[in-house]
């Protein structure tokens, strides 16, 4: 999994363009969470997401030492994010982090929404969504508590969510939108309670952002949508619009498909297994610890002959 996450998005940026920084600190930035943190496109690919744009801007102004989104993965719920934060492989990254963004909660809720994109309808069970939102509340408390302990140097920003169904009929939006507002309220409350910062992205999208969410069958934004999310963060981070990214600064698309990711994962896993086999063979060829202690002594070969005789 670690290799796959690295393939999806480990990026280290150390670009310094001579722009004098308004901030003294150079950040070690971690993007944690779901598909939005990973940069999933509206067409089941991975490309530049909001965290990549944040890293780009901080790099351009000399405020970035390190960036990775290997702790983010499409489909992660709050339970998955919590498990990821607690994992051993996350320990060093978190310990050295000075800046963290968290996207978690949407998959707990939206997987319960039944969407018919061609008919433009939405349906959900209130009982199920109430339960899911309570799970989000509990898990976010624990996620933020873990981050306090495991990332003591980090400023933590909790990303809110946008309304993901702009193409459905207007009469269908109200109920699902109300659940999304509840989700964002929970995220904001838990962020403020933990001393973290909540980032409102809902207002930049509204209920009719078809220009930002172009695929009626998918809930992920295009580059422009991710730019809106990045700018919402950068405003909270800097306290102004000084770091805002303009549309003409967006990079060119360079997507990687899920099929390519799975192919690379398979190759990485095969290589990992080969390395394990090689290590195992090398370990078998090594003398025992007792033998290593006396190896090199006069009479070592004769000693080993006696050992073999006893064992036989």
Protein backbone atom coordinates (compact mmCIF):
# COMPACT_ATOMS: atom_id res chain seq x y z
CA UNK A 1 0.00 0.00 0.00
CA UNK A 2 2.79 2.39 0.86
CA UNK A 3 4.33 1.91 -2.59
CA UNK A 4 0.99 2.49 -4.28
CA UNK A 5 0.31 5.66 -2.34
CA UNK A 6 3.76 6.88 -3.26
CA UNK A 7 3.00 6.18 -6.92
CA UNK A 8 -0.27 8.09 -6.68
CA UNK A 9 1.23 11.17 -5.28
CA UNK A 10 4.50 11.47 -3.42
CA UNK A 11 5.81 14.81 -4.55
CA UNK A 12 8.71 16.74 -3.12
CA UNK A 13 8.87 20.36 -4.15
CA UNK A 14 11.79 22.60 -3.31
CA UNK A 15 11.23 25.32 -5.86
CA UNK A 16 12.47 28.71 -4.78
CA UNK A 17 12.03 31.57 -7.20
CA UNK A 18 13.56 34.40 -5.22
CA UNK A 19 10.20 35.74 -4.07
CA UNK A 20 10.58 37.13 -0.58
CA UNK A 21 8.28 35.25 1.77
CA UNK A 22 5.87 36.93 4.13
CA UNK A 23 6.25 33.90 6.40
CA UNK A 24 9.40 32.81 8.17
CA UNK A 25 8.70 29.08 8.18
CA UNK A 26 9.35 26.67 5.34
CA UNK A 27 6.69 23.99 5.55
CA UNK A 28 6.77 20.21 5.60
CA UNK A 29 3.31 19.70 4.14
CA UNK A 30 1.20 16.52 4.34
CA UNK A 31 -2.11 16.06 2.56
CA UNK A 32 -4.21 13.46 4.39
CA UNK A 33 -7.58 12.02 3.48
CA UNK A 34 -9.80 10.87 0.65
CA UNK A 35 -9.91 11.20 -3.13
CA UNK A 36 -9.98 14.99 -2.99
CA UNK A 37 -6.75 14.98 -0.99
CA UNK A 38 -5.32 12.52 -3.53
CA UNK A 39 -6.36 14.66 -6.52
CA UNK A 40 -8.90 12.42 -8.24
CA UNK A 41 -10.30 13.84 -11.47
CA UNK A 42 -13.93 13.62 -12.67
CA UNK A 43 -12.87 10.75 -14.94
CA UNK A 44 -11.34 8.22 -12.51
CA UNK A 45 -7.78 9.40 -12.80
CA UNK A 46 -5.26 10.97 -10.43
CA UNK A 47 -3.80 14.35 -11.31
CA UNK A 48 -3.22 17.77 -9.75
CA UNK A 49 -5.55 18.31 -6.81
CA UNK A 50 -5.99 21.10 -4.29
CA UNK A 51 -3.03 19.96 -2.18
CA UNK A 52 -0.74 19.91 -5.22
CA UNK A 53 -1.78 23.48 -6.01
CA UNK A 54 -1.18 24.52 -2.40
CA UNK A 55 2.29 22.96 -2.57
CA UNK A 56 2.92 24.68 -5.90
CA UNK A 57 2.10 28.11 -4.46
CA UNK A 58 4.11 27.58 -1.27
CA UNK A 59 7.03 26.34 -3.35
CA UNK A 60 6.92 29.37 -5.62
CA UNK A 61 7.12 31.70 -2.63
CA UNK A 62 9.91 29.80 -0.91
CA UNK A 63 7.67 28.46 1.85
CA UNK A 64 7.93 24.73 1.14
CA UNK A 65 10.59 22.22 2.13
CA UNK A 66 8.66 18.98 1.61
CA UNK A 67 5.26 17.83 0.34
CA UNK A 68 3.55 14.47 -0.05
CA UNK A 69 0.03 13.14 -0.45
CA UNK A 70 0.93 9.50 0.13
CA UNK A 71 -1.33 9.48 3.21
CA UNK A 72 -4.33 10.17 0.97
CA UNK A 73 -6.27 7.58 -1.00
CA UNK A 74 -9.51 7.51 -3.04
CA UNK A 75 -12.46 6.07 -1.16
CA UNK A 76 -11.09 6.66 2.34
CA UNK A 77 -13.74 7.13 5.02
CA UNK A 78 -13.01 8.76 8.37
CA UNK A 79 -12.31 5.27 9.76
CA UNK A 80 -9.73 4.68 7.01
CA UNK A 81 -8.11 8.05 7.61
CA UNK A 82 -7.92 7.36 11.34
CA UNK A 83 -6.26 3.99 10.67
CA UNK A 84 -3.83 5.67 8.28
CA UNK A 85 -2.91 8.35 10.81
CA UNK A 86 -2.24 5.65 13.41
CA UNK A 87 -0.13 3.53 11.06
CA UNK A 88 3.56 2.96 11.66
CA UNK A 89 4.47 4.11 8.15
CA UNK A 90 2.90 7.51 8.87
CA UNK A 91 4.92 8.09 12.04
CA UNK A 92 7.98 9.83 10.59
CA UNK A 93 5.95 11.92 8.16
CA UNK A 94 3.67 13.15 10.94
CA UNK A 95 6.50 13.77 13.39
CA UNK A 96 8.23 16.08 10.92
CA UNK A 97 5.12 17.78 9.54
CA UNK A 98 4.58 21.49 10.08
CA UNK A 99 1.45 21.77 7.91
CA UNK A 100 -1.38 19.25 7.44
CA UNK A 101 -4.63 19.38 5.50
CA UNK A 102 -7.32 16.77 6.19
CA UNK A 103 -10.16 15.78 3.87
CA UNK A 104 -12.37 13.22 5.59
CA UNK A 105 -16.09 12.64 5.96
CA UNK A 106 -17.63 12.85 2.48
CA UNK A 107 -17.30 9.13 1.77
CA UNK A 108 -19.07 8.29 5.02
CA UNK A 109 -22.06 10.31 3.80
CA UNK A 110 -22.13 10.25 -0.01
CA UNK A 111 -21.91 6.48 -0.31
CA UNK A 112 -25.41 6.45 1.21
CA UNK A 113 -26.83 8.77 -1.45
CA UNK A 114 -28.50 7.00 -4.38
CA UNK A 115 -27.95 9.05 -7.53
CA UNK A 116 -29.67 8.75 -10.89
CA UNK A 117 -27.68 11.26 -12.96
CA UNK A 118 -29.75 10.88 -16.12
CA UNK A 119 -33.04 11.35 -14.27
CA UNK A 120 -31.52 14.04 -12.05
CA UNK A 121 -32.70 12.50 -8.79
CA UNK A 122 -31.20 11.86 -5.35
CA UNK A 123 -32.41 9.60 -2.54
CA UNK A 124 -31.12 8.64 0.90
CA UNK A 125 -32.24 7.24 4.24
CA UNK A 126 -32.32 9.83 7.00
CA UNK A 127 -31.67 7.16 9.62
CA UNK A 128 -28.56 5.95 7.80
CA UNK A 129 -27.20 9.44 7.22
CA UNK A 130 -27.76 10.42 10.85
CA UNK A 131 -25.78 7.37 11.92
CA UNK A 132 -23.00 8.10 9.41
CA UNK A 133 -22.70 11.71 10.54
CA UNK A 134 -22.38 10.57 14.15
CA UNK A 135 -19.58 8.21 13.09
CA UNK A 136 -17.87 11.13 11.36
CA UNK A 137 -18.12 13.18 14.54
CA UNK A 138 -16.54 10.47 16.68
CA UNK A 139 -13.79 9.62 14.19
CA UNK A 140 -12.87 13.26 13.58
CA UNK A 141 -12.43 13.76 17.32
CA UNK A 142 -9.99 10.86 17.38
CA UNK A 143 -8.22 11.86 14.14
CA UNK A 144 -7.52 15.35 15.44
CA UNK A 145 -6.44 14.03 18.84
CA UNK A 146 -4.02 11.62 17.15
CA UNK A 147 -2.62 14.40 14.98
CA UNK A 148 -2.01 16.55 18.06
CA UNK A 149 0.11 13.79 19.55
CA UNK A 150 1.78 12.41 16.44
CA UNK A 151 2.29 15.73 14.62
CA UNK A 152 3.04 18.14 17.46
CA UNK A 153 4.71 20.74 15.21
CA UNK A 154 1.94 20.89 12.63
CA UNK A 155 -0.70 23.49 11.91
CA UNK A 156 -3.80 21.47 11.02
CA UNK A 157 -6.46 22.55 8.52
CA UNK A 158 -9.69 20.60 8.12
CA UNK A 159 -11.14 20.94 4.63
CA UNK A 160 -14.89 21.33 4.25
CA UNK A 161 -16.91 19.96 1.33
CA UNK A 162 -18.91 21.33 -1.58
CA UNK A 163 -22.33 20.27 -2.87
CA UNK A 164 -21.44 17.49 -5.30
CA UNK A 165 -24.63 17.20 -7.40
CA UNK A 166 -25.17 20.43 -9.34
CA UNK A 167 -26.81 18.66 -12.29
CA UNK A 168 -29.81 17.19 -10.45
CA UNK A 169 -33.20 18.89 -10.45
CA UNK A 170 -33.48 21.87 -8.13
CA UNK A 171 -36.22 20.13 -6.14
CA UNK A 172 -33.83 17.24 -5.46
CA UNK A 173 -31.02 19.32 -4.00
CA UNK A 174 -32.50 20.51 -0.73
CA UNK A 175 -32.48 17.27 1.26
CA UNK A 176 -28.97 16.14 0.34
CA UNK A 177 -27.62 19.65 0.68
CA UNK A 178 -28.98 19.78 4.23
CA UNK A 179 -26.99 16.63 5.08
CA UNK A 180 -23.85 18.16 3.57
CA UNK A 181 -24.32 21.28 5.67
CA UNK A 182 -24.57 19.05 8.75
CA UNK A 183 -21.32 17.35 7.72
CA UNK A 184 -19.54 20.67 7.29
CA UNK A 185 -20.89 21.88 10.64
CA UNK A 186 -19.49 18.79 12.34
CA UNK A 187 -16.11 19.26 10.68
CA UNK A 188 -15.99 22.92 11.66
CA UNK A 189 -17.02 22.25 15.26
CA UNK A 190 -14.48 19.48 15.74
CA UNK A 191 -11.71 21.51 14.08
CA UNK A 192 -12.35 24.51 16.32
CA UNK A 193 -12.61 22.31 19.41
CA UNK A 194 -9.22 20.75 18.61
CA UNK A 195 -7.54 24.07 17.88
CA UNK A 196 -7.37 23.36 14.14
CA UNK A 197 -8.60 25.62 11.32
CA UNK A 198 -11.68 24.84 9.25
CA UNK A 199 -11.56 25.70 5.54
CA UNK A 200 -14.90 26.58 3.95
CA UNK A 201 -15.03 25.47 0.31
CA UNK A 202 -18.83 25.24 0.12
CA UNK A 203 -19.34 28.91 -0.69
CA UNK A 204 -17.00 28.81 -3.71
CA UNK A 205 -19.15 26.09 -5.32
CA UNK A 206 -22.74 26.71 -4.26
CA UNK A 207 -25.53 24.46 -5.56
CA UNK A 208 -25.07 24.95 -9.30
CA UNK A 209 -21.34 24.59 -9.98
CA UNK A 210 -21.65 22.61 -13.22
CA UNK A 211 -18.55 24.42 -14.49
CA UNK A 212 -16.51 22.98 -11.62
CA UNK A 213 -18.09 19.51 -11.60
CA UNK A 214 -18.34 18.62 -15.30
CA UNK A 215 -19.16 14.89 -15.12
CA UNK A 216 -22.80 14.31 -14.13
CA UNK A 217 -21.86 10.79 -13.01
CA UNK A 218 -18.94 11.81 -10.81
CA UNK A 219 -18.53 14.01 -7.73
CA UNK A 220 -14.93 15.16 -8.29
CA UNK A 221 -13.99 18.65 -9.48
CA UNK A 222 -11.92 19.73 -12.44
CA UNK A 223 -8.73 21.80 -12.15
CA UNK A 224 -10.74 24.97 -11.68
CA UNK A 225 -12.66 23.39 -8.82
CA UNK A 226 -9.45 22.31 -7.16
CA UNK A 227 -8.14 25.85 -7.65
CA UNK A 228 -11.12 27.19 -5.72
CA UNK A 229 -10.40 24.74 -2.90
CA UNK A 230 -6.71 25.62 -2.84
CA UNK A 231 -7.48 29.34 -2.73
CA UNK A 232 -9.92 28.82 0.15
CA UNK A 233 -7.09 27.19 2.08
CA UNK A 234 -4.51 29.80 1.09
CA UNK A 235 -6.82 32.56 2.32
CA UNK A 236 -7.12 30.88 5.73
CA UNK A 237 -3.41 30.14 5.81
CA UNK A 238 -2.22 33.65 4.97
CA UNK A 239 -5.15 35.72 6.23
CA UNK A 240 -5.49 37.44 2.84
CA UNK A 241 -5.69 36.79 -0.90
CA UNK A 242 -1.96 37.44 -1.36
CA UNK A 243 -1.23 33.79 -2.19
CA UNK A 244 -4.27 33.20 -4.41
CA UNK A 245 -3.68 31.15 -7.55
CA UNK A 246 -5.05 32.52 -10.82
CA UNK A 247 -6.59 30.37 -13.57
CA UNK A 248 -3.67 30.98 -15.93
CA UNK A 249 -1.26 29.51 -13.37
CA UNK A 250 -2.89 26.09 -13.44
CA UNK A 251 -0.57 23.34 -14.72
CA UNK A 252 -1.33 21.29 -17.79
CA UNK A 253 -3.23 18.04 -17.18
CA UNK A 254 -1.01 15.02 -16.63
CA UNK A 255 -3.38 12.30 -15.39
CA UNK A 256 -2.60 8.73 -14.47
CA UNK A 257 -5.44 6.22 -14.81
CA UNK A 258 -6.46 3.77 -12.10
CA UNK A 259 -5.47 0.98 -14.49
CA UNK A 260 -1.96 2.42 -14.73
CA UNK A 261 -1.83 2.77 -10.95
CA UNK A 262 -2.87 -0.85 -10.48
CA UNK A 263 -0.29 -1.98 -13.05
CA UNK A 264 2.42 -0.04 -11.23
CA UNK A 265 1.20 -1.44 -7.93
CA UNK A 266 1.49 -4.98 -9.27
CA UNK A 267 5.03 -4.34 -10.47
CA UNK A 268 5.94 -2.76 -7.14
CA UNK A 269 4.50 -5.70 -5.22
CA UNK A 270 6.39 -8.16 -7.43
CA UNK A 271 9.62 -6.27 -6.84
CA UNK A 272 8.94 -6.22 -3.13
CA UNK A 273 8.42 -9.99 -3.10
CA UNK A 274 11.64 -10.50 -5.05
CA UNK A 275 13.53 -8.35 -2.56
CA UNK A 276 12.08 -10.38 0.32
CA UNK A 277 13.18 -13.62 -1.35
CA UNK A 278 16.67 -12.25 -1.90
CA UNK A 279 16.90 -11.13 1.72
CA UNK A 280 15.72 -14.54 2.86
CA UNK A 281 18.34 -16.30 0.72
CA UNK A 282 21.07 -13.99 1.96
CA UNK A 283 20.00 -14.58 5.56
CA UNK A 284 20.17 -18.35 5.06
CA UNK A 285 23.67 -18.05 3.64
CA UNK A 286 24.92 -16.08 6.64
CA UNK A 287 26.61 -17.98 9.46
CA UNK A 288 24.74 -18.17 12.74
CA UNK A 289 25.34 -15.51 15.37
CA UNK A 290 27.49 -17.93 17.37
CA UNK A 291 29.58 -18.68 14.32
CA UNK A 292 29.99 -14.99 13.53
CA UNK A 293 31.41 -14.42 17.00
CA UNK A 294 34.20 -16.92 16.52
CA UNK A 295 34.64 -16.59 12.76
CA UNK A 296 38.20 -15.60 11.92
CA UNK A 297 39.67 -17.38 14.93
CA UNK A 298 42.44 -19.92 14.31
CA UNK A 299 40.84 -23.32 13.92
CA UNK A 300 37.42 -21.96 12.87
CA UNK A 301 37.06 -24.49 10.03
CA UNK A 302 37.87 -27.39 12.34
CA UNK A 303 35.42 -26.08 14.91
CA UNK A 304 32.60 -25.99 12.33
CA UNK A 305 33.40 -29.57 11.31
CA UNK A 306 32.91 -30.67 14.91
CA UNK A 307 29.60 -28.78 15.08
CA UNK A 308 28.37 -30.47 11.93
CA UNK A 309 29.39 -33.86 13.31
CA UNK A 310 27.48 -33.26 16.53
CA UNK A 311 24.36 -32.07 14.64
CA UNK A 312 24.46 -35.08 12.32
